[in-house]
Amino acid sequence: MVQQNAAAELGAMGIRVNVVSGGPIETDALRAFTNYEEVRDKTAHLSPLNRMGQPQDLAGACLFLCSEKASWIT
């Protein structure tokens, strides 16, 4: 079930469906790649923020979506 279908089907039960997909995130796992510097530089170049995502970027988005402040977002 894709997110849109899940959101439509589960919304009536008070269940919100959200997805956070941050792309490449600067982690130890990514730094272990042999082409890490290439991935880091290309990601930063393509990003509107000119940087690679950090774990706290995703954590903040997830925290917001789990909060009452996002009660209308599904």
C-alpha atoms as a PDB file:
ATOM      1  CA  MET A   1       0.000   0.000   0.000  1.00  0.00           C
ATOM      2  CA  VAL A   2       1.531   3.321  -1.005  1.00  0.00           C
ATOM      3  CA  GLN A   3       1.494   6.240   1.420  1.00  0.00           C
ATOM      4  CA  GLN A   4      -1.379   8.086  -0.273  1.00  0.00           C
ATOM      5  CA  ASN A   5      -3.634   5.032  -0.180  1.00  0.00           C
ATOM      6  CA  ALA A   6      -2.697   4.270   3.416  1.00  0.00           C
ATOM      7  CA  ALA A   7      -3.401   7.859   4.445  1.00  0.00           C
ATOM      8  CA  ALA A   8      -6.819   7.795   2.743  1.00  0.00           C
ATOM      9  CA  GLU A   9      -7.789   4.391   4.153  1.00  0.00           C
ATOM     10  CA  LEU A  10      -6.526   4.931   7.705  1.00  0.00           C
ATOM     11  CA  GLY A  11      -7.413   8.590   8.187  1.00  0.00           C
ATOM     12  CA  ALA A  12     -11.009   7.805   9.165  1.00  0.00           C
ATOM     13  CA  MET A  13      -9.612   5.755  12.069  1.00  0.00           C
ATOM     14  CA  GLY A  14      -7.528   8.688  13.290  1.00  0.00           C
ATOM     15  CA  ILE A  15      -4.292   7.212  11.978  1.00  0.00           C
ATOM     16  CA  ARG A  16      -1.982   9.612  10.174  1.00  0.00           C
ATOM     17  CA  VAL A  17       0.473   8.329   7.558  1.00  0.00           C
ATOM     18  CA  ASN A  18       3.654  10.251   6.805  1.00  0.00           C
ATOM     19  CA  VAL A  19       6.978   9.392   5.214  1.00  0.00           C
ATOM     20  CA  VAL A  20      10.333  11.037   5.772  1.00  0.00           C
ATOM     21  CA  SER A  21      12.933  10.324   3.108  1.00  0.00           C
ATOM     22  CA  GLY A  22      16.030  12.420   3.487  1.00  0.00           C
ATOM     23  CA  GLY A  23      18.264  10.944   0.818  1.00  0.00           C
ATOM     24  CA  PRO A  24      21.940  10.544   1.697  1.00  0.00           C
ATOM     25  CA  ILE A  25      22.517  11.435   5.351  1.00  0.00           C
ATOM     26  CA  GLU A  26      25.960  12.014   6.843  1.00  0.00           C
ATOM     27  CA  THR A  27      26.442   8.933   9.017  1.00  0.00           C
ATOM     28  CA  ASP A  28      29.246   6.498   9.826  1.00  0.00           C
ATOM     29  CA  ALA A  29      27.617   4.021   7.424  1.00  0.00           C
ATOM     30  CA  LEU A  30      27.834   6.492   4.535  1.00  0.00           C
ATOM     31  CA  ARG A  31      31.392   7.495   5.438  1.00  0.00           C
ATOM     32  CA  ALA A  32      32.352   3.813   5.047  1.00  0.00           C
ATOM     33  CA  PHE A  33      31.550   3.938   1.303  1.00  0.00           C
ATOM     34  CA  THR A  34      34.665   3.957  -0.856  1.00  0.00           C
ATOM     35  CA  ASN A  35      33.222   6.869  -2.872  1.00  0.00           C
ATOM     36  CA  TYR A  36      32.020   8.793   0.206  1.00  0.00           C
ATOM     37  CA  GLU A  37      33.649  12.093  -0.772  1.00  0.00           C
ATOM     38  CA  GLU A  38      32.120  11.917  -4.240  1.00  0.00           C
ATOM     39  CA  VAL A  39      28.651  11.205  -2.813  1.00  0.00           C
ATOM     40  CA  ARG A  40      29.048  13.969  -0.203  1.00  0.00           C
ATOM     41  CA  ASP A  41      30.164  16.555  -2.757  1.00  0.00           C
ATOM     42  CA  LYS A  42      27.510  15.653  -5.345  1.00  0.00           C
ATOM     43  CA  THR A  43      24.758  15.634  -2.721  1.00  0.00           C
ATOM     44  CA  ALA A  44      25.814  19.053  -1.421  1.00  0.00           C
ATOM     45  CA  HIS A  45      25.991  20.416  -4.970  1.00  0.00           C
ATOM     46  CA  LEU A  46      22.470  19.195  -5.793  1.00  0.00           C
ATOM     47  CA  SER A  47      20.956  20.290  -2.480  1.00  0.00           C
ATOM     48  CA  PRO A  48      19.161  23.645  -2.262  1.00  0.00           C
ATOM     49  CA  LEU A  49      20.878  24.032   1.131  1.00  0.00           C
ATOM     50  CA  ASN A  50      24.326  23.245  -0.337  1.00  0.00           C
ATOM     51  CA  ARG A  51      24.991  20.601   2.282  1.00  0.00           C
ATOM     52  CA  MET A  52      24.412  16.973   3.048  1.00  0.00           C
ATOM     53  CA  GLY A  53      21.651  15.995   5.462  1.00  0.00           C
ATOM     54  CA  GLN A  54      22.491  15.353   9.097  1.00  0.00           C
ATOM     55  CA  PRO A  55      20.804  12.790  11.363  1.00  0.00           C
ATOM     56  CA  GLN A  56      19.248  15.594  13.411  1.00  0.00           C
ATOM     57  CA  ASP A  57      17.580  16.933  10.253  1.00  0.00           C
ATOM     58  CA  LEU A  58      15.564  13.732   9.930  1.00  0.00           C
ATOM     59  CA  ALA A  59      15.033  13.442  13.671  1.00  0.00           C
ATOM     60  CA  GLY A  60      13.518  16.935  13.774  1.00  0.00           C
ATOM     61  CA  ALA A  61      11.157  16.176  10.899  1.00  0.00           C
ATOM     62  CA  CYS A  62      10.062  12.907  12.542  1.00  0.00           C
ATOM     63  CA  LEU A  63       9.573  14.577  15.916  1.00  0.00           C
ATOM     64  CA  PHE A  64       7.409  17.261  14.304  1.00  0.00           C
ATOM     65  CA  LEU A  65       5.280  14.719  12.412  1.00  0.00           C
ATOM     66  CA  CYS A  66       4.695  12.765  15.638  1.00  0.00           C
ATOM     67  CA  SER A  67       3.621  15.889  17.508  1.00  0.00           C
ATOM     68  CA  GLU A  68       0.202  17.481  17.812  1.00  0.00           C
ATOM     69  CA  LYS A  69       1.562  20.410  15.773  1.00  0.00           C
ATOM     70  CA  ALA A  70       1.303  18.103  12.732  1.00  0.00           C
ATOM     71  CA  SER A  71      -2.167  16.800  13.547  1.00  0.00           C
ATOM     72  CA  TRP A  72      -3.531  17.963  10.169  1.00  0.00           C
ATOM     73  CA  ILE A  73      -0.695  16.460   8.108  1.00  0.00           C
ATOM     74  CA  THR A  74      -1.170  13.020   6.571  1.00  0.00           C
END
